[in-house]
């Protein structure tokens, strides 16, 4: 599994664990809802900056 797939699964698992929507994930990470959805669904890969924003959000709310 590549890094993009790991991030996608991490987002899915995080949203399930914390009962969050893509909208809430986007707000918390400061990305657009469309980008979160595209990354989560693997329609496109996250840039290093986007991955950093998502991971910082997830790490700060464990």
PDB file of N, CA and C in Angstrom:
ATOM      1  N   UNK A   1       0.854  -1.187   0.000  1.00  0.00           N
ATOM      2  CA  UNK A   1       0.000   0.000   0.000  1.00  0.00           C
ATOM      3  C   UNK A   1       0.895   1.244   0.000  1.00  0.00           C
ATOM      4  N   UNK A   2       0.595   2.195  -0.864  1.00  0.00           N
ATOM      5  CA  UNK A   2       1.438   3.381  -0.921  1.00  0.00           C
ATOM      6  C   UNK A   2       0.986   4.434   0.091  1.00  0.00           C
ATOM      7  N   UNK A   3       1.764   5.534   0.170  1.00  0.00           N
ATOM      8  CA  UNK A   3       1.482   6.562   1.164  1.00  0.00           C
ATOM      9  C   UNK A   3       0.097   7.181   0.982  1.00  0.00           C
ATOM     10  N   UNK A   4      -0.329   7.392  -0.261  1.00  0.00           N
ATOM     11  CA  UNK A   4      -1.647   7.960  -0.509  1.00  0.00           C
ATOM     12  C   UNK A   4      -2.751   7.082   0.065  1.00  0.00           C
ATOM     13  N   UNK A   5      -2.618   5.775  -0.134  1.00  0.00           N
ATOM     14  CA  UNK A   5      -3.605   4.854   0.417  1.00  0.00           C
ATOM     15  C   UNK A   5      -3.582   4.871   1.935  1.00  0.00           C
ATOM     16  N   UNK A   6      -2.407   4.981   2.529  1.00  0.00           N
ATOM     17  CA  UNK A   6      -2.312   5.058   3.982  1.00  0.00           C
ATOM     18  C   UNK A   6      -3.014   6.301   4.491  1.00  0.00           C
ATOM     19  N   UNK A   7      -2.816   7.428   3.844  1.00  0.00           N
ATOM     20  CA  UNK A   7      -3.465   8.669   4.262  1.00  0.00           C
ATOM     21  C   UNK A   7      -4.967   8.534   4.107  1.00  0.00           C
ATOM     22  N   UNK A   8      -5.411   7.977   3.012  1.00  0.00           N
ATOM     23  CA  UNK A   8      -6.835   7.777   2.780  1.00  0.00           C
ATOM     24  C   UNK A   8      -7.453   6.934   3.901  1.00  0.00           C
ATOM     25  N   UNK A   9      -6.819   5.832   4.214  1.00  0.00           N
ATOM     26  CA  UNK A   9      -7.324   4.963   5.284  1.00  0.00           C
ATOM     27  C   UNK A   9      -7.243   5.664   6.636  1.00  0.00           C
ATOM     28  N   UNK A  10      -6.200   6.431   6.859  1.00  0.00           N
ATOM     29  CA  UNK A  10      -6.082   7.174   8.120  1.00  0.00           C
ATOM     30  C   UNK A  10      -7.225   8.175   8.273  1.00  0.00           C
ATOM     31  N   UNK A  11      -7.569   8.853   7.193  1.00  0.00           N
ATOM     32  CA  UNK A  11      -8.681   9.808   7.231  1.00  0.00           C
ATOM     33  C   UNK A  11      -9.989   9.072   7.513  1.00  0.00           C
ATOM     34  N   UNK A  12     -10.235   7.997   6.797  1.00  0.00           N
ATOM     35  CA  UNK A  12     -11.466   7.225   6.986  1.00  0.00           C
ATOM     36  C   UNK A  12     -11.575   6.738   8.430  1.00  0.00           C
ATOM     37  N   UNK A  13     -10.510   6.147   8.931  1.00  0.00           N
ATOM     38  CA  UNK A  13     -10.526   5.630  10.299  1.00  0.00           C
ATOM     39  C   UNK A  13     -10.686   6.751  11.325  1.00  0.00           C
ATOM     40  N   UNK A  14     -10.019   7.863  11.101  1.00  0.00           N
ATOM     41  CA  UNK A  14     -10.117   8.993  12.017  1.00  0.00           C
ATOM     42  C   UNK A  14     -11.539   9.542  12.052  1.00  0.00           C
ATOM     43  N   UNK A  15     -12.141   9.699  10.882  1.00  0.00           N
ATOM     44  CA  UNK A  15     -13.513  10.207  10.827  1.00  0.00           C
ATOM     45  C   UNK A  15     -14.480   9.247  11.524  1.00  0.00           C
ATOM     46  N   UNK A  16     -14.287   7.956  11.341  1.00  0.00           N
ATOM     47  CA  UNK A  16     -15.143   6.979  12.019  1.00  0.00           C
ATOM     48  C   UNK A  16     -14.957   7.046  13.529  1.00  0.00           C
ATOM     49  N   UNK A  17     -13.709   7.052  13.964  1.00  0.00           N
ATOM     50  CA  UNK A  17     -13.389   7.044  15.391  1.00  0.00           C
ATOM     51  C   UNK A  17     -13.928   8.278  16.107  1.00  0.00           C
ATOM     52  N   UNK A  18     -13.872   9.426  15.425  1.00  0.00           N
ATOM     53  CA  UNK A  18     -14.279  10.691  16.043  1.00  0.00           C
ATOM     54  C   UNK A  18     -15.641  11.189  15.554  1.00  0.00           C
ATOM     55  N   UNK A  19     -16.339  10.346  14.787  1.00  0.00           N
ATOM     56  CA  UNK A  19     -17.664  10.673  14.264  1.00  0.00           C
ATOM     57  C   UNK A  19     -17.674  12.033  13.555  1.00  0.00           C
ATOM     58  N   UNK A  20     -16.759  12.184  12.599  1.00  0.00           N
ATOM     59  CA  UNK A  20     -16.622  13.430  11.848  1.00  0.00           C
ATOM     60  C   UNK A  20     -17.047  13.240  10.398  1.00  0.00           C
ATOM     61  N   UNK A  21     -17.462  14.326   9.786  1.00  0.00           N
ATOM     62  CA  UNK A  21     -17.776  14.342   8.356  1.00  0.00           C
ATOM     63  C   UNK A  21     -16.590  14.934   7.599  1.00  0.00           C
ATOM     64  N   UNK A  22     -16.643  14.841   6.271  1.00  0.00           N
ATOM     65  CA  UNK A  22     -15.614  15.485   5.455  1.00  0.00           C
ATOM     66  C   UNK A  22     -15.612  16.996   5.695  1.00  0.00           C
ATOM     67  N   UNK A  23     -16.795  17.570   5.912  1.00  0.00           N
ATOM     68  CA  UNK A  23     -16.869  19.017   6.190  1.00  0.00           C
ATOM     69  C   UNK A  23     -16.097  19.388   7.442  1.00  0.00           C
ATOM     70  N   UNK A  24     -16.275  18.600   8.496  1.00  0.00           N
ATOM     71  CA  UNK A  24     -15.579  18.882   9.754  1.00  0.00           C
ATOM     72  C   UNK A  24     -14.074  18.651   9.613  1.00  0.00           C
ATOM     73  N   UNK A  25     -13.717  17.640   8.856  1.00  0.00           N
ATOM     74  CA  UNK A  25     -12.300  17.362   8.603  1.00  0.00           C
ATOM     75  C   UNK A  25     -11.671  18.514   7.819  1.00  0.00           C
ATOM     76  N   UNK A  26     -12.399  19.013   6.842  1.00  0.00           N
ATOM     77  CA  UNK A  26     -11.900  20.128   6.039  1.00  0.00           C
ATOM     78  C   UNK A  26     -11.725  21.376   6.891  1.00  0.00           C
ATOM     79  N   UNK A  27     -12.719  21.679   7.702  1.00  0.00           N
ATOM     80  CA  UNK A  27     -12.641  22.860   8.560  1.00  0.00           C
ATOM     81  C   UNK A  27     -11.445  22.765   9.501  1.00  0.00           C
ATOM     82  N   UNK A  28     -11.273  21.609  10.124  1.00  0.00           N
ATOM     83  CA  UNK A  28     -10.178  21.430  11.072  1.00  0.00           C
ATOM     84  C   UNK A  28      -8.802  21.464  10.433  1.00  0.00           C
ATOM     85  N   UNK A  29      -8.699  20.980   9.225  1.00  0.00           N
ATOM     86  CA  UNK A  29      -7.394  20.918   8.557  1.00  0.00           C
ATOM     87  C   UNK A  29      -7.137  22.128   7.670  1.00  0.00           C
ATOM     88  N   UNK A  30      -8.157  22.964   7.486  1.00  0.00           N
ATOM     89  CA  UNK A  30      -8.073  24.164   6.656  1.00  0.00           C
ATOM     90  C   UNK A  30      -7.916  23.851   5.169  1.00  0.00           C
ATOM     91  N   UNK A  31      -8.438  22.692   4.767  1.00  0.00           N
ATOM     92  CA  UNK A  31      -8.501  22.344   3.350  1.00  0.00           C
ATOM     93  C   UNK A  31      -9.953  22.459   2.901  1.00  0.00           C
ATOM     94  N   UNK A  32     -10.165  22.471   1.600  1.00  0.00           N
ATOM     95  CA  UNK A  32     -11.540  22.498   1.106  1.00  0.00           C
ATOM     96  C   UNK A  32     -12.160  21.108   1.273  1.00  0.00           C
ATOM     97  N   UNK A  33     -13.473  21.082   1.372  1.00  0.00           N
ATOM     98  CA  UNK A  33     -14.191  19.817   1.469  1.00  0.00           C
ATOM     99  C   UNK A  33     -13.900  18.963   0.240  1.00  0.00           C
ATOM    100  N   UNK A  34     -13.829  19.600  -0.912  1.00  0.00           N
ATOM    101  CA  UNK A  34     -13.564  18.868  -2.149  1.00  0.00           C
ATOM    102  C   UNK A  34     -12.211  18.173  -2.107  1.00  0.00           C
ATOM    103  N   UNK A  35     -11.200  18.866  -1.567  1.00  0.00           N
ATOM    104  CA  UNK A  35      -9.860  18.262  -1.495  1.00  0.00           C
ATOM    105  C   UNK A  35      -9.847  17.098  -0.516  1.00  0.00           C
ATOM    106  N   UNK A  36     -10.477  17.265   0.630  1.00  0.00           N
ATOM    107  CA  UNK A  36     -10.528  16.159   1.599  1.00  0.00           C
ATOM    108  C   UNK A  36     -11.221  14.956   0.958  1.00  0.00           C
ATOM    109  N   UNK A  37     -12.332  15.193   0.292  1.00  0.00           N
ATOM    110  CA  UNK A  37     -13.062  14.094  -0.342  1.00  0.00           C
ATOM    111  C   UNK A  37     -12.215  13.426  -1.427  1.00  0.00           C
ATOM    112  N   UNK A  38     -11.550  14.217  -2.265  1.00  0.00           N
ATOM    113  CA  UNK A  38     -10.706  13.652  -3.327  1.00  0.00           C
ATOM    114  C   UNK A  38      -9.560  12.827  -2.764  1.00  0.00           C
ATOM    115  N   UNK A  39      -8.942  13.319  -1.715  1.00  0.00           N
ATOM    116  CA  UNK A  39      -7.824  12.593  -1.091  1.00  0.00           C
ATOM    117  C   UNK A  39      -8.332  11.313  -0.444  1.00  0.00           C
ATOM    118  N   UNK A  40      -9.436  11.422   0.279  1.00  0.00           N
ATOM    119  CA  UNK A  40     -10.009  10.269   0.971  1.00  0.00           C
ATOM    120  C   UNK A  40     -10.461   9.203  -0.009  1.00  0.00           C
ATOM    121  N   UNK A  41     -11.052   9.604  -1.112  1.00  0.00           N
ATOM    122  CA  UNK A  41     -11.553   8.646  -2.103  1.00  0.00           C
ATOM    123  C   UNK A  41     -10.467   8.200  -3.082  1.00  0.00           C
ATOM    124  N   UNK A  42      -9.258   8.760  -2.939  1.00  0.00           N
ATOM    125  CA  UNK A  42      -8.106   8.449  -3.780  1.00  0.00           C
ATOM    126  C   UNK A  42      -8.302   8.892  -5.221  1.00  0.00           C
ATOM    127  N   UNK A  43      -9.157   9.904  -5.414  1.00  0.00           N
ATOM    128  CA  UNK A  43      -9.317  10.484  -6.747  1.00  0.00           C
ATOM    129  C   UNK A  43      -8.076  11.274  -7.135  1.00  0.00           C
ATOM    130  N   UNK A  44      -7.374  11.791  -6.130  1.00  0.00           N
ATOM    131  CA  UNK A  44      -6.095  12.465  -6.364  1.00  0.00           C
ATOM    132  C   UNK A  44      -5.243  12.354  -5.110  1.00  0.00           C
ATOM    133  N   UNK A  45      -3.944  12.491  -5.297  1.00  0.00           N
ATOM    134  CA  UNK A  45      -3.002  12.404  -4.181  1.00  0.00           C
ATOM    135  C   UNK A  45      -2.888  13.747  -3.476  1.00  0.00           C
ATOM    136  N   UNK A  46      -2.661  13.686  -2.186  1.00  0.00           N
ATOM    137  CA  UNK A  46      -2.422  14.901  -1.408  1.00  0.00           C
ATOM    138  C   UNK A  46      -1.023  15.417  -1.699  1.00  0.00           C
ATOM    139  N   UNK A  47      -0.892  16.727  -1.744  1.00  0.00           N
ATOM    140  CA  UNK A  47       0.440  17.310  -1.813  1.00  0.00           C
ATOM    141  C   UNK A  47       1.083  17.126  -0.440  1.00  0.00           C
ATOM    142  N   UNK A  48       2.403  17.269  -0.344  1.00  0.00           N
ATOM    143  CA  UNK A  48       3.033  17.179   0.975  1.00  0.00           C
ATOM    144  C   UNK A  48       2.449  18.187   1.971  1.00  0.00           C
ATOM    145  N   UNK A  49       2.111  19.371   1.500  1.00  0.00           N
ATOM    146  CA  UNK A  49       1.530  20.387   2.383  1.00  0.00           C
ATOM    147  C   UNK A  49       0.141  19.960   2.868  1.00  0.00           C
ATOM    148  N   UNK A  50      -0.662  19.425   1.962  1.00  0.00           N
ATOM    149  CA  UNK A  50      -2.002  18.968   2.339  1.00  0.00           C
ATOM    150  C   UNK A  50      -1.920  17.804   3.322  1.00  0.00           C
ATOM    151  N   UNK A  51      -1.028  16.879   3.061  1.00  0.00           N
ATOM    152  CA  UNK A  51      -0.870  15.754   3.978  1.00  0.00           C
ATOM    153  C   UNK A  51      -0.448  16.257   5.355  1.00  0.00           C
ATOM    154  N   UNK A  52       0.466  17.226   5.379  1.00  0.00           N
ATOM    155  CA  UNK A  52       0.895  17.798   6.657  1.00  0.00           C
ATOM    156  C   UNK A  52      -0.252  18.428   7.421  1.00  0.00           C
ATOM    157  N   UNK A  53      -1.112  19.173   6.728  1.00  0.00           N
ATOM    158  CA  UNK A  53      -2.267  19.797   7.383  1.00  0.00           C
ATOM    159  C   UNK A  53      -3.217  18.743   7.944  1.00  0.00           C
ATOM    160  N   UNK A  54      -3.485  17.721   7.161  1.00  0.00           N
ATOM    161  CA  UNK A  54      -4.391  16.664   7.614  1.00  0.00           C
ATOM    162  C   UNK A  54      -3.806  15.900   8.799  1.00  0.00           C
ATOM    163  N   UNK A  55      -2.535  15.555   8.704  1.00  0.00           N
ATOM    164  CA  UNK A  55      -1.910  14.786   9.794  1.00  0.00           C
ATOM    165  C   UNK A  55      -1.784  15.622  11.071  1.00  0.00           C
ATOM    166  N   UNK A  56      -1.464  16.904  10.938  1.00  0.00           N
ATOM    167  CA  UNK A  56      -1.402  17.768  12.128  1.00  0.00           C
ATOM    168  C   UNK A  56      -2.761  17.851  12.810  1.00  0.00           C
ATOM    169  N   UNK A  57      -3.821  17.990  12.004  1.00  0.00           N
ATOM    170  CA  UNK A  57      -5.163  18.024  12.577  1.00  0.00           C
ATOM    171  C   UNK A  57      -5.473  16.720  13.301  1.00  0.00           C
ATOM    172  N   UNK A  58      -5.201  15.593  12.656  1.00  0.00           N
ATOM    173  CA  UNK A  58      -5.510  14.307  13.276  1.00  0.00           C
ATOM    174  C   UNK A  58      -4.657  14.068  14.520  1.00  0.00           C
ATOM    175  N   UNK A  59      -3.387  14.452  14.474  1.00  0.00           N
ATOM    176  CA  UNK A  59      -2.502  14.254  15.615  1.00  0.00           C
ATOM    177  C   UNK A  59      -2.876  15.137  16.800  1.00  0.00           C
ATOM    178  N   UNK A  60      -3.427  16.310  16.513  1.00  0.00           N
ATOM    179  CA  UNK A  60      -3.736  17.236  17.600  1.00  0.00           C
ATOM    180  C   UNK A  60      -5.058  16.924  18.292  1.00  0.00           C
ATOM    181  N   UNK A  61      -5.827  16.001  17.746  1.00  0.00           N
ATOM    182  CA  UNK A  61      -7.143  15.690  18.305  1.00  0.00           C
ATOM    183  C   UNK A  61      -7.300  14.203  18.624  1.00  0.00           C
ATOM    184  N   UNK A  62      -6.241  13.594  19.089  1.00  0.00           N
ATOM    185  CA  UNK A  62      -6.286  12.168  19.421  1.00  0.00           C
ATOM    186  C   UNK A  62      -7.047  11.921  20.668  1.00  0.00           C
TER     187      UNK A  62
END
